[in-house]
PDB file of N, CA and C in Angstrom:
ATOM      1  N   MET A   1       0.843  -1.173   0.000  1.00  0.00           N
ATOM      2  CA  MET A   1       0.000   0.000   0.000  1.00  0.00           C
ATOM      3  C   MET A   1       0.889   1.237   0.000  1.00  0.00           C
ATOM      4  N   SER A   2       0.651   2.133  -0.971  1.00  0.00           N
ATOM      5  CA  SER A   2       1.457   3.341  -1.044  1.00  0.00           C
ATOM      6  C   SER A   2       0.867   4.427  -0.147  1.00  0.00           C
ATOM      7  N   VAL A   3       1.739   5.297   0.299  1.00  0.00           N
ATOM      8  CA  VAL A   3       1.327   6.396   1.169  1.00  0.00           C
ATOM      9  C   VAL A   3       1.229   7.651   0.309  1.00  0.00           C
ATOM     10  N   CYS A   4       0.120   8.327   0.390  1.00  0.00           N
ATOM     11  CA  CYS A   4      -0.094   9.557  -0.356  1.00  0.00           C
ATOM     12  C   CYS A   4      -0.457  10.653   0.639  1.00  0.00           C
ATOM     13  N   LYS A   5       0.534  11.416   1.038  1.00  0.00           N
ATOM     14  CA  LYS A   5       0.326  12.495   2.011  1.00  0.00           C
ATOM     15  C   LYS A   5      -0.209  13.733   1.298  1.00  0.00           C
ATOM     16  N   VAL A   6      -1.224  14.343   1.887  1.00  0.00           N
ATOM     17  CA  VAL A   6      -1.851  15.534   1.322  1.00  0.00           C
ATOM     18  C   VAL A   6      -1.986  16.576   2.429  1.00  0.00           C
ATOM     19  N   ASP A   7      -1.531  17.782   2.140  1.00  0.00           N
ATOM     20  CA  ASP A   7      -1.744  18.891   3.070  1.00  0.00           C
ATOM     21  C   ASP A   7      -3.164  19.408   2.870  1.00  0.00           C
ATOM     22  N   VAL A   8      -3.871  19.555   3.963  1.00  0.00           N
ATOM     23  CA  VAL A   8      -5.242  20.045   3.909  1.00  0.00           C
ATOM     24  C   VAL A   8      -5.205  21.574   3.924  1.00  0.00           C
ATOM     25  N   PRO A   9      -5.773  22.214   2.893  1.00  0.00           N
ATOM     26  CA  PRO A   9      -5.758  23.683   2.853  1.00  0.00           C
ATOM     27  C   PRO A   9      -6.491  24.292   4.046  1.00  0.00           C
ATOM     28  N   ARG A  10      -6.047  25.457   4.474  1.00  0.00           N
ATOM     29  CA  ARG A  10      -6.626  26.128   5.647  1.00  0.00           C
ATOM     30  C   ARG A  10      -8.107  26.455   5.447  1.00  0.00           C
ATOM     31  N   HIS A  11      -8.529  26.736   4.218  1.00  0.00           N
ATOM     32  CA  HIS A  11      -9.940  27.083   4.010  1.00  0.00           C
ATOM     33  C   HIS A  11     -10.848  25.862   4.148  1.00  0.00           C
ATOM     34  N   ILE A  12     -10.270  24.660   4.108  1.00  0.00           N
ATOM     35  CA  ILE A  12     -11.056  23.440   4.289  1.00  0.00           C
ATOM     36  C   ILE A  12     -11.070  23.024   5.757  1.00  0.00           C
ATOM     37  N   TYR A  13      -9.944  23.143   6.414  1.00  0.00           N
ATOM     38  CA  TYR A  13      -9.874  22.798   7.843  1.00  0.00           C
ATOM     39  C   TYR A  13      -9.148  23.926   8.560  1.00  0.00           C
ATOM     40  N   TRP A  14      -9.931  24.848   9.069  1.00  0.00           N
ATOM     41  CA  TRP A  14      -9.395  26.072   9.644  1.00  0.00           C
ATOM     42  C   TRP A  14      -9.368  26.083  11.158  1.00  0.00           C
ATOM     43  N   SER A  15      -9.820  25.023  11.793  1.00  0.00           N
ATOM     44  CA  SER A  15      -9.904  25.053  13.256  1.00  0.00           C
ATOM     45  C   SER A  15      -8.618  24.602  13.951  1.00  0.00           C
ATOM     46  N   SER A  16      -7.574  24.348  13.196  1.00  0.00           N
ATOM     47  CA  SER A  16      -6.301  23.973  13.803  1.00  0.00           C
ATOM     48  C   SER A  16      -5.257  25.031  13.479  1.00  0.00           C
ATOM     49  N   ARG A  17      -4.461  25.365  14.459  1.00  0.00           N
ATOM     50  CA  ARG A  17      -3.368  26.318  14.220  1.00  0.00           C
ATOM     51  C   ARG A  17      -2.233  25.659  13.444  1.00  0.00           C
ATOM     52  N   ASN A  18      -2.145  24.355  13.571  1.00  0.00           N
ATOM     53  CA  ASN A  18      -1.071  23.617  12.921  1.00  0.00           C
ATOM     54  C   ASN A  18      -1.490  23.153  11.532  1.00  0.00           C
ATOM     55  N   LYS A  19      -0.504  22.981  10.684  1.00  0.00           N
ATOM     56  CA  LYS A  19      -0.747  22.438   9.365  1.00  0.00           C
ATOM     57  C   LYS A  19      -1.258  20.997   9.523  1.00  0.00           C
ATOM     58  N   VAL A  20      -2.283  20.643   8.758  1.00  0.00           N
ATOM     59  CA  VAL A  20      -2.873  19.316   8.839  1.00  0.00           C
ATOM     60  C   VAL A  20      -2.525  18.553   7.568  1.00  0.00           C
ATOM     61  N   THR A  21      -1.965  17.372   7.749  1.00  0.00           N
ATOM     62  CA  THR A  21      -1.623  16.494   6.640  1.00  0.00           C
ATOM     63  C   THR A  21      -2.318  15.167   6.863  1.00  0.00           C
ATOM     64  N   ILE A  22      -2.906  14.629   5.791  1.00  0.00           N
ATOM     65  CA  ILE A  22      -3.542  13.323   5.912  1.00  0.00           C
ATOM     66  C   ILE A  22      -2.897  12.344   4.934  1.00  0.00           C
ATOM     67  N   ASP A  23      -3.131  11.082   5.202  1.00  0.00           N
ATOM     68  CA  ASP A  23      -2.658  10.007   4.338  1.00  0.00           C
ATOM     69  C   ASP A  23      -3.872   9.492   3.568  1.00  0.00           C
ATOM     70  N   GLU A  24      -3.960   9.824   2.275  1.00  0.00           N
ATOM     71  CA  GLU A  24      -5.120   9.423   1.472  1.00  0.00           C
ATOM     72  C   GLU A  24      -5.211   7.909   1.253  1.00  0.00           C
ATOM     73  N   SER A  25      -4.162   7.179   1.586  1.00  0.00           N
ATOM     74  CA  SER A  25      -4.254   5.722   1.457  1.00  0.00           C
ATOM     75  C   SER A  25      -4.968   5.109   2.666  1.00  0.00           C
ATOM     76  N   ASP A  26      -5.191   5.896   3.707  1.00  0.00           N
ATOM     77  CA  ASP A  26      -5.939   5.455   4.877  1.00  0.00           C
ATOM     78  C   ASP A  26      -7.411   5.787   4.641  1.00  0.00           C
ATOM     79  N   PRO A  27      -8.288   4.780   4.514  1.00  0.00           N
ATOM     80  CA  PRO A  27      -9.696   5.042   4.199  1.00  0.00           C
ATOM     81  C   PRO A  27     -10.390   5.983   5.181  1.00  0.00           C
ATOM     82  N   ARG A  28     -10.079   5.878   6.462  1.00  0.00           N
ATOM     83  CA  ARG A  28     -10.710   6.775   7.448  1.00  0.00           C
ATOM     84  C   ARG A  28     -10.303   8.222   7.227  1.00  0.00           C
ATOM     85  N   GLN A  29      -9.016   8.459   6.968  1.00  0.00           N
ATOM     86  CA  GLN A  29      -8.546   9.819   6.740  1.00  0.00           C
ATOM     87  C   GLN A  29      -9.095  10.380   5.430  1.00  0.00           C
ATOM     88  N   LYS A  30      -9.148   9.538   4.406  1.00  0.00           N
ATOM     89  CA  LYS A  30      -9.679   9.979   3.121  1.00  0.00           C
ATOM     90  C   LYS A  30     -11.160  10.332   3.256  1.00  0.00           C
ATOM     91  N   LYS A  31     -11.926   9.529   4.000  1.00  0.00           N
ATOM     92  CA  LYS A  31     -13.340   9.803   4.221  1.00  0.00           C
ATOM     93  C   LYS A  31     -13.510  11.118   4.993  1.00  0.00           C
ATOM     94  N   TRP A  32     -12.663  11.351   5.993  1.00  0.00           N
ATOM     95  CA  TRP A  32     -12.705  12.603   6.743  1.00  0.00           C
ATOM     96  C   TRP A  32     -12.470  13.790   5.804  1.00  0.00           C
ATOM     97  N   LEU A  33     -11.447  13.686   4.949  1.00  0.00           N
ATOM     98  CA  LEU A  33     -11.128  14.782   4.027  1.00  0.00           C
ATOM     99  C   LEU A  33     -12.291  15.021   3.067  1.00  0.00           C
ATOM    100  N   LEU A  34     -12.888  13.975   2.573  1.00  0.00           N
ATOM    101  CA  LEU A  34     -14.024  14.114   1.667  1.00  0.00           C
ATOM    102  C   LEU A  34     -15.160  14.885   2.347  1.00  0.00           C
ATOM    103  N   GLY A  35     -15.456  14.544   3.581  1.00  0.00           N
ATOM    104  CA  GLY A  35     -16.483  15.263   4.330  1.00  0.00           C
ATOM    105  C   GLY A  35     -16.132  16.724   4.526  1.00  0.00           C
ATOM    106  N   GLN A  36     -14.872  17.005   4.809  1.00  0.00           N
ATOM    107  CA  GLN A  36     -14.427  18.390   4.987  1.00  0.00           C
ATOM    108  C   GLN A  36     -14.562  19.174   3.688  1.00  0.00           C
ATOM    109  N   ILE A  37     -14.202  18.550   2.573  1.00  0.00           N
ATOM    110  CA  ILE A  37     -14.307  19.234   1.279  1.00  0.00           C
ATOM    111  C   ILE A  37     -15.770  19.510   0.947  1.00  0.00           C
ATOM    112  N   LEU A  38     -16.645  18.521   1.159  1.00  0.00           N
ATOM    113  CA  LEU A  38     -18.062  18.726   0.859  1.00  0.00           C
ATOM    114  C   LEU A  38     -18.677  19.791   1.750  1.00  0.00           C
ATOM    115  N   SER A  39     -18.192  19.915   2.974  1.00  0.00           N
ATOM    116  CA  SER A  39     -18.741  20.889   3.917  1.00  0.00           C
ATOM    117  C   SER A  39     -18.109  22.277   3.800  1.00  0.00           C
ATOM    118  N   ASN A  40     -16.808  22.337   3.525  1.00  0.00           N
ATOM    119  CA  ASN A  40     -16.077  23.601   3.612  1.00  0.00           C
ATOM    120  C   ASN A  40     -15.307  23.980   2.356  1.00  0.00           C
ATOM    121  N   GLY A  41     -15.299  23.099   1.370  1.00  0.00           N
ATOM    122  CA  GLY A  41     -14.495  23.343   0.172  1.00  0.00           C
ATOM    123  C   GLY A  41     -15.106  24.370  -0.768  1.00  0.00           C
ATOM    124  N   THR A  42     -14.279  24.857  -1.655  1.00  0.00           N
ATOM    125  CA  THR A  42     -14.727  25.765  -2.707  1.00  0.00           C
ATOM    126  C   THR A  42     -15.191  24.939  -3.898  1.00  0.00           C
ATOM    127  N   ILE A  43     -15.790  25.600  -4.866  1.00  0.00           N
ATOM    128  CA  ILE A  43     -16.205  24.897  -6.075  1.00  0.00           C
ATOM    129  C   ILE A  43     -14.992  24.277  -6.769  1.00  0.00           C
ATOM    130  N   SER A  44     -13.863  24.933  -6.675  1.00  0.00           N
ATOM    131  CA  SER A  44     -12.628  24.397  -7.259  1.00  0.00           C
ATOM    132  C   SER A  44     -12.227  23.088  -6.570  1.00  0.00           C
ATOM    133  N   ASP A  45     -12.363  23.026  -5.256  1.00  0.00           N
ATOM    134  CA  ASP A  45     -12.054  21.798  -4.514  1.00  0.00           C
ATOM    135  C   ASP A  45     -13.016  20.683  -4.911  1.00  0.00           C
ATOM    136  N   ILE A  46     -14.293  21.027  -5.012  1.00  0.00           N
ATOM    137  CA  ILE A  46     -15.320  20.021  -5.320  1.00  0.00           C
ATOM    138  C   ILE A  46     -15.157  19.496  -6.739  1.00  0.00           C
ATOM    139  N   ARG A  47     -14.765  20.350  -7.665  1.00  0.00           N
ATOM    140  CA  ARG A  47     -14.558  19.913  -9.061  1.00  0.00           C
ATOM    141  C   ARG A  47     -13.465  18.852  -9.179  1.00  0.00           C
ATOM    142  N   LYS A  48     -12.554  18.815  -8.236  1.00  0.00           N
ATOM    143  CA  LYS A  48     -11.453  17.834  -8.272  1.00  0.00           C
ATOM    144  C   LYS A  48     -11.886  16.455  -7.775  1.00  0.00           C
ATOM    145  N   LEU A  49     -13.076  16.370  -7.176  1.00  0.00           N
ATOM    146  CA  LEU A  49     -13.528  15.106  -6.596  1.00  0.00           C
ATOM    147  C   LEU A  49     -14.056  14.152  -7.662  1.00  0.00           C
ATOM    148  N   ASP A  50     -13.934  12.883  -7.381  1.00  0.00           N
ATOM    149  CA  ASP A  50     -14.537  11.830  -8.191  1.00  0.00           C
ATOM    150  C   ASP A  50     -15.977  11.688  -7.683  1.00  0.00           C
ATOM    151  N   LEU A  51     -16.945  12.111  -8.489  1.00  0.00           N
ATOM    152  CA  LEU A  51     -18.334  12.124  -8.023  1.00  0.00           C
ATOM    153  C   LEU A  51     -18.878  10.731  -7.752  1.00  0.00           C
ATOM    154  N   ASP A  52     -18.392   9.735  -8.461  1.00  0.00           N
ATOM    155  CA  ASP A  52     -18.810   8.360  -8.163  1.00  0.00           C
ATOM    156  C   ASP A  52     -18.324   7.960  -6.773  1.00  0.00           C
ATOM    157  N   GLU A  53     -17.116   8.381  -6.420  1.00  0.00           N
ATOM    158  CA  GLU A  53     -16.577   8.109  -5.083  1.00  0.00           C
ATOM    159  C   GLU A  53     -17.384   8.855  -4.018  1.00  0.00           C
ATOM    160  N   VAL A  54     -17.758  10.091  -4.307  1.00  0.00           N
ATOM    161  CA  VAL A  54     -18.570  10.866  -3.371  1.00  0.00           C
ATOM    162  C   VAL A  54     -19.897  10.161  -3.139  1.00  0.00           C
ATOM    163  N   GLU A  55     -20.546   9.735  -4.210  1.00  0.00           N
ATOM    164  CA  GLU A  55     -21.848   9.078  -4.086  1.00  0.00           C
ATOM    165  C   GLU A  55     -21.747   7.793  -3.269  1.00  0.00           C
ATOM    166  N   GLN A  56     -20.718   7.019  -3.505  1.00  0.00           N
ATOM    167  CA  GLN A  56     -20.542   5.772  -2.768  1.00  0.00           C
ATOM    168  C   GLN A  56     -20.284   6.029  -1.286  1.00  0.00           C
ATOM    169  N   ALA A  57     -19.521   7.067  -0.978  1.00  0.00           N
ATOM    170  CA  ALA A  57     -19.150   7.355   0.411  1.00  0.00           C
ATOM    171  C   ALA A  57     -20.227   8.120   1.165  1.00  0.00           C
ATOM    172  N   LEU A  58     -21.129   8.780   0.462  1.00  0.00           N
ATOM    173  CA  LEU A  58     -22.093   9.683   1.087  1.00  0.00           C
ATOM    174  C   LEU A  58     -22.822   9.113   2.306  1.00  0.00           C
ATOM    175  N   PRO A  59     -23.347   7.888   2.248  1.00  0.00           N
ATOM    176  CA  PRO A  59     -24.073   7.380   3.428  1.00  0.00           C
ATOM    177  C   PRO A  59     -23.217   7.263   4.695  1.00  0.00           C
ATOM    178  N   SER A  60     -21.911   7.123   4.537  1.00  0.00           N
ATOM    179  CA  SER A  60     -21.063   6.925   5.710  1.00  0.00           C
ATOM    180  C   SER A  60     -20.322   8.186   6.146  1.00  0.00           C
ATOM    181  N   LEU A  61     -20.556   9.307   5.465  1.00  0.00           N
ATOM    182  CA  LEU A  61     -19.866  10.540   5.820  1.00  0.00           C
ATOM    183  C   LEU A  61     -20.603  11.265   6.937  1.00  0.00           C
ATOM    184  N   ASN A  62     -19.829  11.901   7.808  1.00  0.00           N
ATOM    185  CA  ASN A  62     -20.382  12.706   8.893  1.00  0.00           C
ATOM    186  C   ASN A  62     -20.551  14.131   8.367  1.00  0.00           C
ATOM    187  N   LEU A  63     -21.752  14.415   7.848  1.00  0.00           N
ATOM    188  CA  LEU A  63     -22.021  15.714   7.237  1.00  0.00           C
ATOM    189  C   LEU A  63     -23.189  16.398   7.930  1.00  0.00           C
ATOM    190  N   PRO A  64     -23.198  17.731   7.917  1.00  0.00           N
ATOM    191  CA  PRO A  64     -24.390  18.437   8.382  1.00  0.00           C
ATOM    192  C   PRO A  64     -25.585  18.027   7.507  1.00  0.00           C
ATOM    193  N   LEU A  65     -26.765  18.004   8.073  1.00  0.00           N
ATOM    194  CA  LEU A  65     -27.953  17.536   7.361  1.00  0.00           C
ATOM    195  C   LEU A  65     -28.171  18.282   6.049  1.00  0.00           C
ATOM    196  N   ASN A  66     -28.006  19.604   6.049  1.00  0.00           N
ATOM    197  CA  ASN A  66     -28.258  20.359   4.818  1.00  0.00           C
ATOM    198  C   ASN A  66     -27.274  19.979   3.701  1.00  0.00           C
ATOM    199  N   ILE A  67     -26.042  19.676   4.049  1.00  0.00           N
ATOM    200  CA  ILE A  67     -25.044  19.262   3.052  1.00  0.00           C
ATOM    201  C   ILE A  67     -25.383  17.863   2.551  1.00  0.00           C
ATOM    202  N   ARG A  68     -25.739  16.964   3.450  1.00  0.00           N
ATOM    203  CA  ARG A  68     -26.122  15.590   3.069  1.00  0.00           C
ATOM    204  C   ARG A  68     -27.322  15.609   2.117  1.00  0.00           C
ATOM    205  N   VAL A  69     -28.341  16.411   2.438  1.00  0.00           N
ATOM    206  CA  VAL A  69     -29.544  16.489   1.604  1.00  0.00           C
ATOM    207  C   VAL A  69     -29.202  17.082   0.233  1.00  0.00           C
ATOM    208  N   LEU A  70     -28.387  18.105   0.210  1.00  0.00           N
ATOM    209  CA  LEU A  70     -27.979  18.709  -1.053  1.00  0.00           C
ATOM    210  C   LEU A  70     -27.349  17.671  -1.977  1.00  0.00           C
ATOM    211  N   TRP A  71     -26.392  16.899  -1.449  1.00  0.00           N
ATOM    212  CA  TRP A  71     -25.712  15.899  -2.266  1.00  0.00           C
ATOM    213  C   TRP A  71     -26.632  14.736  -2.623  1.00  0.00           C
ATOM    214  N   ARG A  72     -27.473  14.311  -1.700  1.00  0.00           N
ATOM    215  CA  ARG A  72     -28.427  13.238  -2.008  1.00  0.00           C
ATOM    216  C   ARG A  72     -29.338  13.666  -3.156  1.00  0.00           C
ATOM    217  N   ASP A  73     -29.861  14.894  -3.066  1.00  0.00           N
ATOM    218  CA  ASP A  73     -30.733  15.407  -4.120  1.00  0.00           C
ATOM    219  C   ASP A  73     -29.982  15.540  -5.442  1.00  0.00           C
ATOM    220  N   TYR A  74     -28.738  15.986  -5.376  1.00  0.00           N
ATOM    221  CA  TYR A  74     -27.941  16.106  -6.596  1.00  0.00           C
ATOM    222  C   TYR A  74     -27.797  14.748  -7.279  1.00  0.00           C
ATOM    223  N   PHE A  75     -27.464  13.708  -6.533  1.00  0.00           N
ATOM    224  CA  PHE A  75     -27.278  12.392  -7.142  1.00  0.00           C
ATOM    225  C   PHE A  75     -28.595  11.820  -7.664  1.00  0.00           C
ATOM    226  N   GLU A  76     -29.691  12.092  -6.992  1.00  0.00           N
ATOM    227  CA  GLU A  76     -30.998  11.670  -7.523  1.00  0.00           C
ATOM    228  C   GLU A  76     -31.262  12.367  -8.853  1.00  0.00           C
ATOM    229  N   TRP A  77     -30.993  13.667  -8.915  1.00  0.00           N
ATOM    230  CA  TRP A  77     -31.166  14.423 -10.149  1.00  0.00           C
ATOM    231  C   TRP A  77     -30.235  13.882 -11.244  1.00  0.00           C
ATOM    232  N   ARG A  78     -28.982  13.638 -10.876  1.00  0.00           N
ATOM    233  CA  ARG A  78     -27.990  13.148 -11.840  1.00  0.00           C
ATOM    234  C   ARG A  78     -28.446  11.830 -12.462  1.00  0.00           C
ATOM    235  N   HIS A  79     -28.973  10.935 -11.652  1.00  0.00           N
ATOM    236  CA  HIS A  79     -29.415   9.643 -12.175  1.00  0.00           C
ATOM    237  C   HIS A  79     -30.683   9.779 -13.015  1.00  0.00           C
ATOM    238  N   SER A  80     -31.570  10.658 -12.617  1.00  0.00           N
ATOM    239  CA  SER A  80     -32.812  10.805 -13.374  1.00  0.00           C
ATOM    240  C   SER A  80     -32.591  11.513 -14.702  1.00  0.00           C
ATOM    241  N   ASN A  81     -31.471  12.217 -14.833  1.00  0.00           N
ATOM    242  CA  ASN A  81     -31.159  12.937 -16.069  1.00  0.00           C
ATOM    243  C   ASN A  81     -30.038  12.305 -16.879  1.00  0.00           C
ATOM    244  N   SER A  82     -29.595  11.118 -16.480  1.00  0.00           N
ATOM    245  CA  SER A  82     -28.521  10.474 -17.229  1.00  0.00           C
ATOM    246  C   SER A  82     -29.096   9.816 -18.477  1.00  0.00           C
ATOM    247  N   VAL A  83     -28.279   9.777 -19.487  1.00  0.00           N
ATOM    248  CA  VAL A  83     -28.673   9.155 -20.749  1.00  0.00           C
ATOM    249  C   VAL A  83     -28.369   7.671 -20.663  1.00  0.00           C
ATOM    250  N   SER A  84     -29.358   6.862 -20.955  1.00  0.00           N
ATOM    251  CA  SER A  84     -29.154   5.409 -20.894  1.00  0.00           C
ATOM    252  C   SER A  84     -28.634   4.875 -22.198  1.00  0.00           C
TER     253      SER A  84
END
């Protein structure tokens, strides 16, 4: 298993005075980062995400209700408007 260290930008995780680095090869840390991006990220941060990965992880992410509902509704819309 390879280690992929990522520095978390301050605008995504601003409650720590120290620089925060996560290991994206650790599923728990990657899930935490995904939740932080969905809750606090910019549109630029969100555009970098794999939406299939977001959809798969959504039920297990610790998100505020309004963010969870927004993404749930988005994926329902995405599926209802996909070309078969």
